[in-house]
Amino acid sequence: MIELEGVPELIDPVMVAAFEGWNDAGDAASTAVAHLDKEWKGEVFAALDAEDYYDFQVNRPTVWMDAGVRKITWPTTRLSVVRVGGEKPRDLVLVRGIEPSMRWRSFCNELLGFAHELGVELVVILGALLGDTPHTRPVPISGTTSDSDLAQRMDLEETKYEGPTGIVGILQEACTHAGVPAVSLWAAVPHYVSQPPNPKATLALLNRLEDLIDVRIPLGELPEDARAWQVGVDQLAAEDSEVAEYVQTLEEARDTAELPEASGEAIAREFERYLRRRDGGPQPGGHATADGSDGAPYLRDNPGGGRTKPQRPAKPDTEPEADGDDEDSTEE
């Protein structure tokens, strides 16, 4: 039995989870949850036992000094709680960690035990994958669920993905079998500039999460970071004619595919978000690819933090294949 101490009774709680690794291209998903934790000053109330789920030769512990005393930080998954203020306050249970190396079913069952004890009403799992999407266009965000009723009610796609999956897909199915409503939000990250961080993809995930759970998320410096990231990639791509031509090919394919998608509903959604931000004021408080295969090697962000200049876009080895709309070809 899981016993939670020091956690107050929660208001309409939603669990938001993200995991570093294969499900987290450009660190976009894990950075989104870290942003929520930082902006709303989350308080950690639980951490899973690292020995149960991690291979320490794959995810090594780190040693650091605290006032002359050596300490060790173990790779694990931590849970924290934040309260979103406003006219309709609600609580978020934030789950942030590393994709486990083993015992995935036990890992999911332990998280679901916390969700049950806390009265979580909805689980939202964030992910990011590598795709044939140009960095110059809005980041495609796919919302999927295994629940047909939830798909209709929240304007989501009922997942039909088949192929390799990560902990995001496993946790979503575990929620479905346990009768817990669950949604996965996936951001498509350009495969030719996959190095973290990718603030533009992080921002897109947070905007979609904001619409999904009907809360206003303070964005801080993310919009500025996203603009700076795009300018940096623009400059790097312009230095290489082959990469610039390839980006133009992706742009043309994306624009052609999305012409029918410029619907009144999409325009209305963007306008509603604009009105919320204008009137609401601040509130307190290797990777998966579109076809399910492994993408570029996983690279960590600069441990020193702060903004980093995007690395040079990788040249395409072959001509781009017509994979279809990025929003429909997602990893589960």
Protein backbone atom coordinates (compact mmCIF):
# COMPACT_ATOMS: atom_id res chain seq x y z
CA MET A 1 0.00 0.00 0.00
CA ILE A 2 1.20 3.50 -0.84
CA GLU A 3 1.01 5.94 2.03
CA LEU A 4 1.19 9.64 1.27
CA GLU A 5 2.13 12.02 4.05
CA GLY A 6 2.02 15.79 3.93
CA VAL A 7 -0.11 15.96 0.77
CA PRO A 8 -3.29 18.02 1.26
CA GLU A 9 -6.62 17.08 -0.26
CA LEU A 10 -6.36 17.96 -3.94
CA ILE A 11 -8.81 19.90 -6.12
CA ASP A 12 -9.78 18.25 -9.44
CA PRO A 13 -6.25 16.82 -9.80
CA VAL A 14 -4.69 16.06 -13.19
CA MET A 15 -1.48 14.04 -13.45
CA VAL A 16 0.98 15.39 -16.04
CA ALA A 17 3.95 13.13 -16.81
CA ALA A 18 7.04 13.18 -19.02
CA PHE A 19 10.09 10.94 -19.23
CA GLU A 20 13.58 11.64 -20.56
CA GLY A 21 14.96 9.35 -23.24
CA TRP A 22 13.41 7.73 -26.30
CA ASN A 23 10.08 9.54 -25.82
CA ASP A 24 11.65 12.99 -25.43
CA ALA A 25 13.18 14.33 -28.65
CA GLY A 26 14.86 17.68 -28.07
CA ASP A 27 14.06 17.32 -24.33
CA ALA A 28 10.78 19.02 -25.27
CA ALA A 29 8.44 16.98 -23.05
CA SER A 30 10.58 16.74 -19.90
CA THR A 31 11.36 20.47 -20.16
CA ALA A 32 7.62 21.22 -20.31
CA VAL A 33 6.97 19.43 -17.01
CA ALA A 34 10.07 21.03 -15.49
CA HIS A 35 8.68 24.42 -16.54
CA LEU A 36 5.38 23.73 -14.77
CA ASP A 37 7.24 22.62 -11.66
CA LYS A 38 9.40 25.75 -11.66
CA GLU A 39 6.67 28.30 -12.43
CA TRP A 40 4.28 26.96 -9.79
CA LYS A 41 6.98 26.01 -7.25
CA GLY A 42 6.14 22.33 -7.05
CA GLU A 43 6.89 20.39 -3.89
CA VAL A 44 8.22 16.84 -4.27
CA PHE A 45 6.29 14.39 -2.12
CA ALA A 46 7.47 11.04 -3.50
CA ALA A 47 10.27 9.40 -5.48
CA LEU A 48 10.29 5.87 -6.85
CA ASP A 49 13.04 3.52 -5.66
CA ALA A 50 15.78 3.79 -8.29
CA GLU A 51 17.01 0.24 -7.64
CA ASP A 52 13.70 -1.20 -8.80
CA TYR A 53 13.63 0.33 -12.28
CA TYR A 54 17.00 1.63 -13.47
CA ASP A 55 20.16 0.07 -14.85
CA PHE A 56 22.86 2.28 -13.37
CA GLN A 57 25.29 1.43 -16.19
CA VAL A 58 22.77 3.02 -18.59
CA ASN A 59 21.62 5.90 -16.38
CA ARG A 60 24.49 6.56 -14.01
CA PRO A 61 24.14 8.31 -10.63
CA THR A 62 26.01 11.59 -10.22
CA VAL A 63 28.27 12.70 -7.39
CA TRP A 64 28.27 16.31 -6.21
CA MET A 65 29.60 18.39 -3.33
CA ASP A 66 27.37 20.08 -0.75
CA ALA A 67 29.32 22.26 1.70
CA GLY A 68 32.32 19.96 1.36
CA VAL A 69 30.26 16.77 1.73
CA ARG A 70 30.04 14.36 -1.19
CA LYS A 71 26.48 13.39 -2.10
CA ILE A 72 24.92 11.15 -4.73
CA THR A 73 21.86 11.83 -6.88
CA TRP A 74 20.28 8.64 -8.20
CA PRO A 75 18.34 8.49 -11.48
CA THR A 76 14.69 8.12 -10.60
CA THR A 77 11.16 9.43 -11.14
CA ARG A 78 9.81 12.09 -8.78
CA LEU A 79 6.27 13.30 -8.10
CA SER A 80 5.38 16.81 -7.03
CA VAL A 81 2.15 18.78 -6.55
CA VAL A 82 1.38 22.31 -7.71
CA ARG A 83 -1.77 24.35 -7.22
CA VAL A 84 -3.07 26.44 -10.12
CA GLY A 85 -4.86 29.53 -8.81
CA GLY A 86 -7.58 31.58 -10.41
CA GLU A 87 -11.36 31.49 -10.48
CA LYS A 88 -11.32 27.68 -10.82
CA PRO A 89 -8.30 26.45 -8.86
CA ARG A 90 -7.09 22.93 -9.49
CA ASP A 91 -4.05 20.83 -8.65
CA LEU A 92 -1.53 19.21 -10.93
CA VAL A 93 0.44 16.12 -9.96
CA LEU A 94 3.70 16.38 -11.92
CA VAL A 95 5.64 13.21 -12.76
CA ARG A 96 9.14 13.73 -14.11
CA GLY A 97 11.90 11.20 -14.51
CA ILE A 98 13.82 8.95 -16.89
CA GLU A 99 12.31 6.16 -18.95
CA PRO A 100 12.88 3.07 -16.76
CA SER A 101 15.30 0.35 -17.83
CA MET A 102 13.21 -2.56 -16.51
CA ARG A 103 9.96 -3.68 -14.83
CA TRP A 104 7.75 -1.32 -16.83
CA ARG A 105 4.51 -2.93 -15.66
CA SER A 106 5.45 -2.54 -12.01
CA PHE A 107 6.59 1.03 -12.71
CA CYS A 108 3.20 1.91 -14.24
CA ASN A 109 1.29 0.17 -11.47
CA GLU A 110 3.19 2.20 -8.86
CA LEU A 111 2.35 5.47 -10.63
CA LEU A 112 -1.28 4.40 -10.93
CA GLY A 113 -1.28 3.65 -7.20
CA PHE A 114 -0.34 7.27 -6.54
CA ALA A 115 -2.99 8.44 -9.01
CA HIS A 116 -5.65 6.40 -7.22
CA GLU A 117 -4.63 7.59 -3.75
CA LEU A 118 -4.64 11.23 -4.87
CA GLY A 119 -7.97 11.02 -6.70
CA VAL A 120 -6.48 11.91 -10.10
CA GLU A 121 -9.23 12.49 -12.68
CA LEU A 122 -7.09 12.54 -15.83
CA VAL A 123 -3.55 11.50 -16.78
CA VAL A 124 -1.79 13.52 -19.50
CA ILE A 125 1.51 12.12 -20.77
CA LEU A 126 3.78 14.39 -22.81
CA GLY A 127 6.14 13.11 -25.47
CA ALA A 128 8.20 14.31 -28.42
CA LEU A 129 9.32 12.45 -31.54
CA LEU A 130 11.53 13.13 -34.54
CA GLY A 131 9.64 13.84 -37.74
CA ASP A 132 9.84 15.30 -41.24
CA THR A 133 8.62 18.71 -40.12
CA PRO A 134 10.25 22.06 -40.94
CA HIS A 135 11.46 24.21 -38.07
CA THR A 136 9.90 27.28 -39.75
CA ARG A 137 6.31 26.13 -39.29
CA PRO A 138 4.16 25.69 -36.15
CA VAL A 139 5.07 22.54 -34.24
CA PRO A 140 2.59 19.73 -34.98
CA ILE A 141 0.98 18.45 -31.78
CA SER A 142 -0.95 15.18 -31.83
CA GLY A 143 -3.38 14.31 -29.05
CA THR A 144 -4.19 10.60 -28.79
CA THR A 145 -6.14 8.34 -26.48
CA SER A 146 -7.31 4.74 -26.34
CA ASP A 147 -10.73 5.83 -25.04
CA SER A 148 -13.24 6.47 -27.85
CA ASP A 149 -15.55 8.51 -25.60
CA LEU A 150 -12.63 10.66 -24.42
CA ALA A 151 -11.52 11.12 -28.03
CA GLN A 152 -14.90 12.57 -28.99
CA ARG A 153 -15.26 14.70 -25.88
CA MET A 154 -11.78 16.26 -26.05
CA ASP A 155 -11.32 16.38 -29.84
CA LEU A 156 -8.53 13.79 -29.83
CA GLU A 157 -7.44 11.02 -32.16
CA GLU A 158 -8.19 7.45 -31.12
CA THR A 159 -4.79 5.84 -31.40
CA LYS A 160 -4.27 3.21 -34.09
CA TYR A 161 -0.47 3.09 -33.88
CA GLU A 162 1.28 -0.27 -34.29
CA GLY A 163 4.99 -0.72 -33.74
CA PRO A 164 7.72 -0.15 -31.13
CA THR A 165 6.62 1.89 -28.16
CA GLY A 166 8.14 3.54 -25.12
CA ILE A 167 7.03 4.15 -21.56
CA VAL A 168 4.55 6.80 -22.76
CA GLY A 169 2.60 4.20 -24.74
CA ILE A 170 2.84 1.60 -21.97
CA LEU A 171 1.63 4.01 -19.29
CA GLN A 172 -1.29 5.15 -21.43
CA GLU A 173 -2.44 1.56 -21.97
CA ALA A 174 -1.99 0.80 -18.25
CA CYS A 175 -4.27 3.75 -17.46
CA THR A 176 -6.85 2.50 -19.95
CA HIS A 177 -6.90 -0.99 -18.42
CA ALA A 178 -7.17 0.54 -14.93
CA GLY A 179 -10.13 2.71 -15.98
CA VAL A 180 -8.20 5.97 -15.61
CA PRO A 181 -8.79 8.49 -18.46
CA ALA A 182 -5.46 9.10 -20.19
CA VAL A 183 -4.23 11.27 -23.05
CA SER A 184 -0.86 11.47 -24.79
CA LEU A 185 0.30 14.74 -26.37
CA TRP A 186 3.13 14.38 -28.89
CA ALA A 187 5.25 17.16 -30.38
CA ALA A 188 7.01 16.58 -33.71
CA VAL A 189 10.64 17.79 -33.62
CA PRO A 190 12.58 18.37 -36.88
CA HIS A 191 14.91 15.41 -37.27
CA TYR A 192 17.64 17.57 -38.83
CA VAL A 193 17.91 19.73 -35.71
CA SER A 194 17.12 17.27 -32.93
CA GLN A 195 19.65 18.45 -30.35
CA PRO A 196 18.18 19.79 -27.10
CA PRO A 197 16.86 22.14 -26.05
CA ASN A 198 13.91 22.83 -28.33
CA PRO A 199 11.91 25.61 -26.63
CA LYS A 200 9.58 25.92 -29.63
CA ALA A 201 8.36 22.33 -29.19
CA THR A 202 8.13 22.77 -25.42
CA LEU A 203 6.00 25.89 -25.90
CA ALA A 204 3.69 24.06 -28.33
CA LEU A 205 3.17 21.21 -25.85
CA LEU A 206 2.30 23.66 -23.05
CA ASN A 207 -0.16 25.53 -25.28
CA ARG A 208 -1.93 22.27 -26.15
CA LEU A 209 -1.93 21.18 -22.50
CA GLU A 210 -3.42 24.54 -21.56
CA ASP A 211 -6.32 23.99 -23.97
CA LEU A 212 -6.80 20.39 -22.87
CA ILE A 213 -7.11 20.93 -19.11
CA ASP A 214 -8.47 24.50 -19.27
CA VAL A 215 -5.81 26.25 -17.19
CA ARG A 216 -3.67 29.27 -17.97
CA ILE A 217 0.02 28.37 -17.89
CA PRO A 218 2.56 31.15 -17.24
CA LEU A 219 5.11 30.87 -20.03
CA GLY A 220 7.90 33.06 -18.66
CA GLU A 221 10.77 33.39 -21.15
CA LEU A 222 9.70 30.43 -23.30
CA PRO A 223 8.20 32.53 -26.16
CA GLU A 224 11.40 34.59 -26.35
CA ASP A 225 13.55 31.45 -26.21
CA ALA A 226 11.47 29.86 -28.98
CA ARG A 227 11.94 32.89 -31.23
CA ALA A 228 15.69 32.94 -30.54
CA TRP A 229 15.92 29.20 -31.28
CA GLN A 230 14.19 29.62 -34.65
CA VAL A 231 16.38 32.58 -35.62
CA GLY A 232 19.46 30.55 -34.73
CA VAL A 233 18.35 27.57 -36.82
CA ASP A 234 17.42 29.90 -39.69
CA GLN A 235 20.94 31.30 -39.69
CA LEU A 236 22.58 27.89 -39.58
CA ALA A 237 20.36 26.49 -42.34
CA ALA A 238 21.03 29.53 -44.55
CA GLU A 239 24.75 28.75 -44.45
CA ASP A 240 24.25 25.47 -46.31
CA SER A 241 22.38 25.47 -49.63
CA GLU A 242 21.56 21.74 -49.44
CA VAL A 243 19.97 22.07 -46.01
CA ALA A 244 18.12 25.23 -47.07
CA GLU A 245 16.72 23.43 -50.11
CA TYR A 246 15.67 20.47 -47.98
CA VAL A 247 13.88 22.75 -45.49
CA GLN A 248 12.06 24.40 -48.40
CA THR A 249 10.92 20.95 -49.61
CA LEU A 250 9.54 20.18 -46.14
CA GLU A 251 7.79 23.55 -46.03
CA GLU A 252 6.07 22.95 -49.36
CA ALA A 253 4.94 19.47 -48.33
CA ARG A 254 3.67 20.72 -44.98
CA ASP A 255 1.82 23.71 -46.46
CA THR A 256 0.15 21.56 -49.13
CA ALA A 257 -0.94 18.96 -46.58
CA GLU A 258 -2.35 21.53 -44.17
CA LEU A 259 -4.34 23.72 -46.57
CA PRO A 260 -7.62 21.95 -45.64
CA GLU A 261 -6.73 22.25 -41.93
CA ALA A 262 -7.03 26.05 -41.82
CA SER A 263 -10.49 25.63 -40.36
CA GLY A 264 -12.64 28.10 -38.48
CA GLU A 265 -12.28 25.87 -35.42
CA ALA A 266 -8.47 26.15 -35.46
CA ILE A 267 -8.63 29.92 -35.90
CA ALA A 268 -11.16 30.21 -33.07
CA ARG A 269 -8.94 28.15 -30.77
CA GLU A 270 -5.97 30.45 -31.35
CA PHE A 271 -8.14 33.53 -30.81
CA GLU A 272 -9.47 32.14 -27.52
CA ARG A 273 -5.91 31.56 -26.32
CA TYR A 274 -5.02 35.15 -27.24
CA LEU A 275 -7.99 36.49 -25.27
CA ARG A 276 -7.11 34.37 -22.22
CA ARG A 277 -3.57 35.70 -22.18
CA ARG A 278 -4.63 39.32 -22.76
CA ASP A 279 -7.33 39.41 -20.08
CA GLY A 280 -6.23 36.81 -17.55
CA GLY A 281 -3.07 38.40 -16.19
CA PRO A 282 -0.34 36.36 -14.49
CA GLN A 283 -1.25 33.63 -12.00
CA PRO A 284 0.80 32.65 -8.96
CA GLY A 285 1.92 29.94 -8.07
CA GLY A 286 17.92 7.62 -29.47
CA HIS A 287 14.37 9.09 -29.79
CA ALA A 288 11.05 7.98 -31.12
CA THR A 289 10.36 8.86 -34.75
CA ALA A 290 7.14 9.11 -36.70
CA ASP A 291 7.54 5.52 -37.92
CA GLY A 292 8.45 4.16 -34.49
CA SER A 293 12.13 3.56 -35.24
CA ASP A 294 15.11 4.94 -33.35
CA GLY A 295 16.25 8.41 -34.36
CA ALA A 296 19.48 10.25 -33.69
CA PRO A 297 21.47 9.43 -30.54
CA TYR A 298 20.09 10.99 -27.36
CA LEU A 299 22.00 14.12 -26.35
CA ARG A 300 21.64 15.91 -23.05
CA ASP A 301 21.37 19.66 -22.61
CA ASN A 302 24.23 21.76 -21.36
CA PRO A 303 24.40 20.92 -17.60
CA GLY A 304 25.17 24.55 -16.92
CA GLY A 305 21.67 25.50 -18.00
CA GLY A 306 20.68 28.69 -19.77
CA ARG A 307 20.09 29.34 -23.43
CA THR A 308 22.27 27.49 -25.90
CA LYS A 309 22.86 28.18 -29.58
CA PRO A 310 21.25 25.52 -31.78
CA GLN A 311 23.73 23.14 -33.33
CA ARG A 312 24.18 23.05 -37.10
CA PRO A 313 21.32 21.19 -38.82
CA ALA A 314 22.28 17.77 -40.10
CA LYS A 315 22.35 17.34 -43.85
CA PRO A 316 19.74 14.86 -45.14
CA ASP A 317 21.32 11.61 -46.34
CA THR A 318 18.50 10.86 -48.77
CA GLU A 319 15.61 12.59 -50.37
CA PRO A 320 12.67 13.02 -47.94
CA GLU A 321 10.01 10.38 -48.19
CA ALA A 322 6.33 11.24 -48.31
CA ASP A 323 5.30 10.03 -44.87
CA GLY A 324 2.05 11.91 -44.81
CA ASP A 325 0.84 14.36 -42.23
CA ASP A 326 3.08 14.51 -39.15
CA GLU A 327 0.05 14.80 -36.89
CA ASP A 328 -1.31 11.43 -38.00
CA SER A 329 1.91 9.40 -38.04
CA THR A 330 2.93 9.45 -34.40
CA GLU A 331 4.41 7.04 -31.94
CA GLU A 332 1.89 5.96 -29.35
